Amino acid sequence: MTAPPFWQRHWPLAALAALIALLLAWAMLAPLRGASQALLLVFPPDVHRRGLALPAEIRLTRGIQDVLLLRNDDRVPIVFGPLTLAPGRALRLPFEDEGVHAYTCPAVLGGMVRVRLVDAPAPGWTRLRWRLDRLRHDIRYLPLRPPEP
């Protein structure tokens, strides 16, 4: 009497391997789309006194999320590069050129905001790497407290 094949003896491992292969195929081939084309950057009340902590670089992707939406909830104007954002106002800052764009902003710790615009990744390994980088970035910068209503 012969022993059953490996996949019959260890079917949970085979099912897990198939599930992982399907997830990788989806991550490599599925179209990219975001909930919004704009990334919201909020300057909270009293930010001019304490400063706003931001990542070293804000990453945007052309065609998916390529607009930086600035909103000033503080009671004093915020300077962002050549722009001045009045209290209670919002401003859409679209990006078209790939590369790093640097803006001076005294309300941010370090006084500088760097925005990197990358091209949308093609299907395949580059798209998988883009999705994993985006997931890593989102987990790293999760808010420590819930948003204020």
Protein backbone atom coordinates (compact mmCIF):
# COMPACT_ATOMS: atom_id res chain seq x y z
CA MET A 1 0.00 0.00 0.00
CA THR A 2 1.45 3.37 -1.04
CA ALA A 3 1.23 6.52 1.01
CA PRO A 4 -1.15 9.27 -0.25
CA PRO A 5 0.46 12.18 -2.11
CA PHE A 6 1.93 15.09 -0.15
CA TRP A 7 -0.92 17.49 -0.95
CA GLN A 8 -3.49 15.01 0.44
CA ARG A 9 -1.56 14.54 3.67
CA HIS A 10 -0.83 18.22 4.13
CA TRP A 11 -3.81 19.90 2.49
CA PRO A 12 -3.83 22.91 4.88
CA LEU A 13 -0.31 23.84 3.75
CA ALA A 14 -1.27 23.41 0.10
CA ALA A 15 -4.37 25.58 0.59
CA LEU A 16 -2.29 28.27 2.35
CA ALA A 17 0.30 28.24 -0.46
CA ALA A 18 -2.47 28.60 -3.06
CA LEU A 19 -4.04 31.49 -1.14
CA ILE A 20 -0.68 33.29 -0.88
CA ALA A 21 -0.09 32.78 -4.62
CA LEU A 22 -3.52 34.25 -5.41
CA LEU A 23 -2.91 37.28 -3.17
CA LEU A 24 0.46 37.92 -4.78
CA ALA A 25 -1.06 37.65 -8.27
CA TRP A 26 -3.80 40.11 -7.30
CA ALA A 27 -1.29 42.58 -5.81
CA MET A 28 0.81 42.43 -8.98
CA LEU A 29 -2.00 42.74 -11.52
CA ALA A 30 -5.01 44.50 -9.98
CA PRO A 31 -5.51 48.11 -11.07
CA LEU A 32 -4.43 50.86 -8.70
CA ARG A 33 -6.98 53.27 -7.37
CA GLY A 34 -7.27 55.32 -4.23
CA ALA A 35 -10.22 56.47 -2.20
CA SER A 36 -9.34 60.04 -3.11
CA GLN A 37 -6.86 61.62 -5.46
CA ALA A 38 -5.93 64.10 -2.72
CA LEU A 39 -3.84 63.50 0.38
CA LEU A 40 -5.10 65.68 3.24
CA LEU A 41 -2.55 67.58 5.31
CA VAL A 42 -4.25 69.32 8.25
CA PHE A 43 -2.61 72.03 10.32
CA PRO A 44 -4.40 71.65 13.69
CA PRO A 45 -5.16 74.47 16.15
CA ASP A 46 -2.09 75.99 17.85
CA VAL A 47 0.27 74.30 15.40
CA HIS A 48 2.22 77.56 15.13
CA ARG A 49 3.34 77.09 18.79
CA ARG A 50 4.06 73.37 18.98
CA GLY A 51 4.88 72.45 15.37
CA LEU A 52 3.52 69.64 13.24
CA ALA A 53 5.41 66.33 13.06
CA LEU A 54 5.45 64.94 9.51
CA PRO A 55 7.28 62.07 7.83
CA ALA A 56 10.63 63.02 6.28
CA GLU A 57 8.98 62.73 2.88
CA ILE A 58 5.36 62.68 1.71
CA ARG A 59 4.94 60.27 -1.20
CA LEU A 60 2.35 60.83 -3.89
CA THR A 61 1.71 58.72 -7.01
CA ARG A 62 0.89 60.30 -10.35
CA GLY A 63 -2.65 59.51 -11.50
CA ILE A 64 -3.62 57.85 -8.22
CA GLN A 65 -2.94 60.32 -5.44
CA ASP A 66 -1.24 63.37 -6.91
CA VAL A 67 -2.90 66.29 -5.11
CA LEU A 68 -1.88 67.61 -1.70
CA LEU A 69 -4.88 69.15 0.07
CA LEU A 70 -3.76 71.64 2.74
CA ARG A 71 -6.24 72.67 5.43
CA ASN A 72 -5.50 75.30 8.07
CA ASP A 73 -7.48 74.71 11.28
CA ASP A 74 -5.21 77.10 13.20
CA ARG A 75 -6.21 80.69 13.96
CA VAL A 76 -3.12 82.23 12.30
CA PRO A 77 -2.02 82.06 8.65
CA ILE A 78 0.28 79.19 7.65
CA VAL A 79 3.13 79.73 5.20
CA PHE A 80 3.72 76.79 2.85
CA GLY A 81 6.48 77.59 0.37
CA PRO A 82 5.37 80.63 -1.66
CA LEU A 83 1.76 80.23 -0.48
CA THR A 84 0.03 81.67 2.58
CA LEU A 85 -2.97 79.72 3.82
CA ALA A 86 -5.44 81.84 5.79
CA PRO A 87 -7.12 80.44 8.94
CA GLY A 88 -10.05 78.14 8.21
CA ARG A 89 -9.14 77.81 4.53
CA ALA A 90 -8.14 74.86 2.35
CA LEU A 91 -5.97 74.73 -0.75
CA ARG A 92 -5.46 72.03 -3.39
CA LEU A 93 -1.87 71.71 -4.58
CA PRO A 94 -1.70 69.42 -7.65
CA PHE A 95 1.58 67.81 -8.75
CA GLU A 96 2.50 66.91 -12.33
CA ASP A 97 6.30 66.65 -12.43
CA GLU A 98 7.96 63.53 -11.07
CA GLY A 99 10.63 64.07 -8.43
CA VAL A 100 11.11 65.73 -5.05
CA HIS A 101 9.46 69.08 -4.36
CA ALA A 102 10.64 70.93 -1.24
CA TYR A 103 8.62 73.62 0.54
CA THR A 104 9.60 75.73 3.52
CA CYS A 105 6.94 75.66 6.22
CA PRO A 106 7.69 77.13 9.66
CA ALA A 107 4.65 75.36 11.17
CA VAL A 108 6.28 71.95 10.56
CA LEU A 109 9.00 70.56 12.82
CA GLY A 110 12.23 70.99 10.87
CA GLY A 111 10.73 73.82 8.82
CA MET A 112 10.70 71.83 5.54
CA VAL A 113 8.15 69.64 3.77
CA ARG A 114 9.37 67.31 1.01
CA VAL A 115 6.86 65.85 -1.42
CA ARG A 116 8.00 63.07 -3.75
CA LEU A 117 5.87 62.37 -6.81
CA VAL A 118 6.48 58.93 -8.33
CA ASP A 119 5.07 57.51 -11.52
CA ALA A 120 2.31 54.90 -11.24
CA PRO A 121 3.89 51.42 -11.25
CA ALA A 122 3.36 49.06 -14.15
CA PRO A 123 1.78 45.64 -13.48
CA GLY A 124 4.18 43.07 -12.10
CA TRP A 125 6.86 43.14 -9.44
CA THR A 126 7.07 46.95 -9.41
CA ARG A 127 3.36 47.20 -8.58
CA LEU A 128 3.74 44.61 -5.82
CA ARG A 129 6.72 46.53 -4.38
CA TRP A 130 4.70 49.80 -4.60
CA ARG A 131 1.77 48.24 -2.71
CA LEU A 132 4.07 46.84 0.00
CA ASP A 133 5.86 50.20 0.38
CA ARG A 134 2.52 51.97 0.65
CA LEU A 135 1.29 49.48 3.28
CA ARG A 136 4.53 49.89 5.26
CA HIS A 137 4.23 53.69 5.11
CA ASP A 138 0.55 53.66 6.17
CA ILE A 139 1.27 51.38 9.13
CA ARG A 140 4.30 53.43 10.20
CA TYR A 141 2.34 56.70 10.25
CA LEU A 142 -0.96 55.51 11.71
CA PRO A 143 -2.46 58.21 13.92
CA LEU A 144 -1.94 57.53 17.61
CA ARG A 145 -5.29 59.06 18.48
CA PRO A 146 -8.59 59.12 16.66
CA PRO A 147 -9.37 62.13 14.48
CA GLU A 148 -11.19 64.95 16.18
CA PRO A 149 -14.82 65.43 15.09
